[in-house]
N, C-alpha and C. Protein backbone atom coordinates (compact mmCIF):
# COMPACT_ATOMS: atom_id res chain seq x y z
N MET A 1 -36.46 -19.78 5.09
CA MET A 1 -35.19 -20.49 5.05
C MET A 1 -33.86 -19.82 4.15
N THR A 2 -34.37 -19.32 3.05
CA THR A 2 -33.50 -18.46 2.06
C THR A 2 -33.01 -17.32 3.12
N ALA A 3 -33.76 -16.82 3.88
CA ALA A 3 -33.39 -15.62 4.49
C ALA A 3 -32.26 -16.07 5.62
N VAL A 4 -32.58 -17.00 6.07
CA VAL A 4 -31.30 -17.55 7.23
C VAL A 4 -30.02 -17.97 6.62
N LEU A 5 -30.40 -18.52 5.24
CA LEU A 5 -29.05 -19.05 4.91
C LEU A 5 -28.30 -17.72 4.16
N THR A 6 -29.02 -16.57 3.74
CA THR A 6 -28.33 -15.55 3.50
C THR A 6 -27.73 -14.71 4.30
N LEU A 7 -28.35 -14.60 5.62
CA LEU A 7 -27.84 -13.96 6.65
C LEU A 7 -26.44 -14.78 7.08
N PHE A 8 -26.60 -15.95 7.20
CA PHE A 8 -25.33 -16.97 7.48
C PHE A 8 -24.20 -16.47 6.59
N VAL A 9 -24.58 -16.44 5.36
CA VAL A 9 -23.47 -16.14 4.11
C VAL A 9 -22.92 -14.84 4.60
N VAL A 10 -23.78 -13.98 4.75
CA VAL A 10 -23.45 -12.36 4.90
C VAL A 10 -22.65 -12.43 6.11
N SER A 11 -22.89 -12.88 7.17
CA SER A 11 -22.04 -12.59 8.35
C SER A 11 -20.87 -13.62 8.44
N LEU A 12 -20.81 -14.55 7.52
CA LEU A 12 -19.53 -15.37 7.34
C LEU A 12 -18.50 -14.52 6.64
N TYR A 13 -18.82 -13.75 5.68
CA TYR A 13 -17.83 -12.97 4.78
C TYR A 13 -17.63 -11.50 5.60
N GLY A 14 -18.60 -11.10 6.30
CA GLY A 14 -18.52 -9.83 6.99
C GLY A 14 -17.75 -9.86 8.08
N CYS A 15 -17.36 -10.91 8.80
CA CYS A 15 -16.59 -11.25 9.92
C CYS A 15 -15.17 -11.59 9.63
N SER A 16 -14.09 -10.79 9.49
CA SER A 16 -12.89 -11.35 9.14
C SER A 16 -12.28 -11.58 10.29
N SER A 17 -11.19 -12.33 10.45
CA SER A 17 -10.50 -12.66 11.67
C SER A 17 -9.45 -11.41 11.96
N PRO A 18 -8.93 -11.12 12.97
CA PRO A 18 -7.83 -10.17 13.34
C PRO A 18 -6.68 -10.43 12.29
N GLN A 19 -6.34 -11.77 12.32
CA GLN A 19 -5.16 -11.94 11.26
C GLN A 19 -5.41 -11.73 9.87
N ASP A 20 -6.65 -11.76 9.36
CA ASP A 20 -7.10 -11.42 8.09
C ASP A 20 -7.02 -9.80 8.03
N ARG A 21 -7.41 -9.27 8.91
CA ARG A 21 -7.20 -7.86 8.84
C ARG A 21 -5.88 -7.28 9.00
N ALA A 22 -4.96 -7.95 9.55
CA ALA A 22 -3.70 -7.62 9.97
C ALA A 22 -3.13 -8.21 8.39
N TYR A 23 -3.32 -9.32 7.78
CA TYR A 23 -2.70 -9.42 6.87
C TYR A 23 -3.35 -8.22 5.41
N GLU A 24 -4.36 -7.98 5.51
CA GLU A 24 -4.88 -6.85 4.77
C GLU A 24 -4.00 -5.62 4.76
N ALA A 25 -3.81 -5.30 6.05
CA ALA A 25 -2.99 -3.96 6.43
C ALA A 25 -1.71 -3.98 5.97
N GLN A 26 -1.15 -5.09 6.10
CA GLN A 26 0.18 -5.42 5.56
C GLN A 26 0.30 -5.18 4.09
N GLU A 27 -0.57 -5.75 3.58
CA GLU A 27 -0.71 -5.89 2.03
C GLU A 27 -0.81 -4.34 1.40
N LYS A 28 -1.72 -3.51 2.08
CA LYS A 28 -1.64 -2.21 1.89
C LYS A 28 -0.36 -1.25 2.31
N VAL A 29 0.33 -1.59 3.00
CA VAL A 29 1.39 -0.95 3.50
C VAL A 29 2.62 -1.49 2.18
N HIS A 30 2.53 -2.57 1.80
CA HIS A 30 3.36 -2.97 0.73
C HIS A 30 3.16 -2.22 -0.32
N GLU A 31 1.74 -2.04 -0.60
CA GLU A 31 1.45 -1.46 -2.03
C GLU A 31 1.62 0.05 -1.99
N GLU A 32 1.46 0.74 -0.95
CA GLU A 32 1.98 2.04 -0.59
C GLU A 32 3.60 2.22 -1.01
N ARG A 33 4.20 1.45 -0.42
CA ARG A 33 5.79 1.12 -0.58
C ARG A 33 6.07 1.31 -1.79
N LEU A 34 5.52 0.14 -2.69
CA LEU A 34 5.87 -0.12 -4.05
C LEU A 34 5.44 1.15 -4.85
N ALA A 35 4.37 1.85 -4.58
CA ALA A 35 3.86 3.21 -5.33
C ALA A 35 5.16 4.36 -4.80
N LEU A 36 5.58 4.41 -3.99
CA LEU A 36 6.51 5.30 -3.54
C LEU A 36 7.77 5.20 -4.28
N ILE A 37 8.18 3.89 -4.55
CA ILE A 37 9.22 3.67 -5.09
C ILE A 37 9.39 3.86 -6.59
N GLU A 38 7.91 3.59 -7.06
CA GLU A 38 7.69 3.76 -8.49
C GLU A 38 7.96 5.39 -8.75
N HIS A 39 7.57 6.28 -7.80
CA HIS A 39 7.48 7.73 -7.83
C HIS A 39 8.89 8.00 -7.77
N TYR A 40 9.64 7.41 -6.80
CA TYR A 40 11.00 7.87 -6.75
C TYR A 40 11.83 7.58 -7.97
N THR A 41 11.57 6.33 -8.65
CA THR A 41 12.12 6.10 -9.99
C THR A 41 11.99 7.07 -10.85
N ALA A 42 10.45 7.43 -11.07
CA ALA A 42 10.22 8.28 -12.10
C ALA A 42 10.68 9.63 -12.02
N CYS A 43 10.76 9.86 -10.57
CA CYS A 43 11.17 11.17 -10.14
C CYS A 43 12.78 11.48 -10.82
N LEU A 44 13.62 10.18 -10.31
CA LEU A 44 14.88 10.28 -10.93
C LEU A 44 14.98 10.46 -12.16
N LYS A 45 14.46 9.82 -13.02
CA LYS A 45 14.36 9.69 -14.55
C LYS A 45 14.11 10.87 -14.95
N ASP A 46 12.98 11.68 -14.42
CA ASP A 46 12.69 13.10 -14.81
C ASP A 46 13.84 14.05 -14.39
N ALA A 47 14.47 14.03 -13.31
CA ALA A 47 15.42 14.79 -12.87
C ALA A 47 16.85 14.89 -13.69
N GLY A 48 17.26 13.64 -14.42
CA GLY A 48 18.35 13.54 -15.00
C GLY A 48 19.47 13.77 -14.29
N ASN A 49 20.26 14.67 -14.90
CA ASN A 49 21.56 15.20 -14.02
C ASN A 49 21.42 16.08 -13.07
N ASP A 50 20.13 16.94 -12.96
CA ASP A 50 20.09 18.01 -12.02
C ASP A 50 19.96 17.43 -10.63
N PRO A 51 21.15 18.21 -9.93
CA PRO A 51 21.25 17.49 -8.37
C PRO A 51 20.36 18.28 -7.44
N LEU A 52 19.80 19.26 -7.75
CA LEU A 52 18.62 19.95 -7.02
C LEU A 52 17.51 19.11 -7.23
N LYS A 53 16.92 18.70 -8.40
CA LYS A 53 15.88 17.76 -8.77
C LYS A 53 16.11 16.40 -7.93
N THR A 54 17.17 15.89 -8.25
CA THR A 54 17.48 14.33 -7.80
C THR A 54 17.51 14.67 -6.02
N GLU A 55 17.80 15.75 -5.32
CA GLU A 55 17.55 15.73 -3.98
C GLU A 55 15.96 15.74 -3.66
N SER A 56 15.11 16.41 -4.47
CA SER A 56 13.73 16.59 -4.21
C SER A 56 13.16 15.28 -4.31
N CYS A 57 13.87 14.08 -5.20
CA CYS A 57 13.30 12.89 -5.35
C CYS A 57 13.50 12.10 -3.84
N ASP A 58 14.18 12.63 -3.21
CA ASP A 58 14.64 11.87 -1.94
C ASP A 58 13.47 11.66 -1.03
N GLN A 59 12.52 12.65 -0.79
CA GLN A 59 11.33 12.40 -0.07
C GLN A 59 10.78 11.15 -0.36
N TYR A 60 10.51 10.64 -1.45
CA TYR A 60 9.74 9.50 -1.83
C TYR A 60 10.72 8.38 -1.34
N LEU A 61 11.98 8.40 -1.61
CA LEU A 61 12.68 7.29 -1.15
C LEU A 61 12.54 7.14 0.68
N LYS A 62 12.79 8.30 1.26
CA LYS A 62 12.68 8.47 2.78
C LYS A 62 11.35 7.75 3.15
N ALA A 63 10.09 8.13 2.45
CA ALA A 63 8.91 7.80 2.68
C ALA A 63 8.76 6.34 2.67
N ALA A 64 9.49 5.69 1.45
CA ALA A 64 9.31 4.29 1.36
C ALA A 64 10.05 3.46 2.43
N GLU A 65 11.14 4.20 2.81
CA GLU A 65 12.11 3.41 3.84
C GLU A 65 11.37 3.44 5.41
N ALA A 66 10.64 4.46 5.41
CA ALA A 66 9.87 4.80 6.75
C ALA A 66 8.65 3.49 6.91
N LEU A 67 8.29 2.91 5.75
CA LEU A 67 7.25 1.95 5.60
C LEU A 67 7.70 0.37 6.00
N LYS A 68 9.16 0.39 5.91
CA LYS A 68 9.68 -0.93 6.32
C LYS A 68 9.24 -1.65 7.42
């Protein structure tokens, strides 16, 4: 009886709906976008007034915008 109950619980948690997987994927995209924005902000801070360094930071911003 315990084995059946355990199997039922494992199967219940192991099978997520397509909607749940979509939410998880969306959450990962948002997390990645936030990480890119944090990298961009840190890069700008490190670049200071150097236009060449500031321009190199744009890669983070463009990547974040691509994930919208």
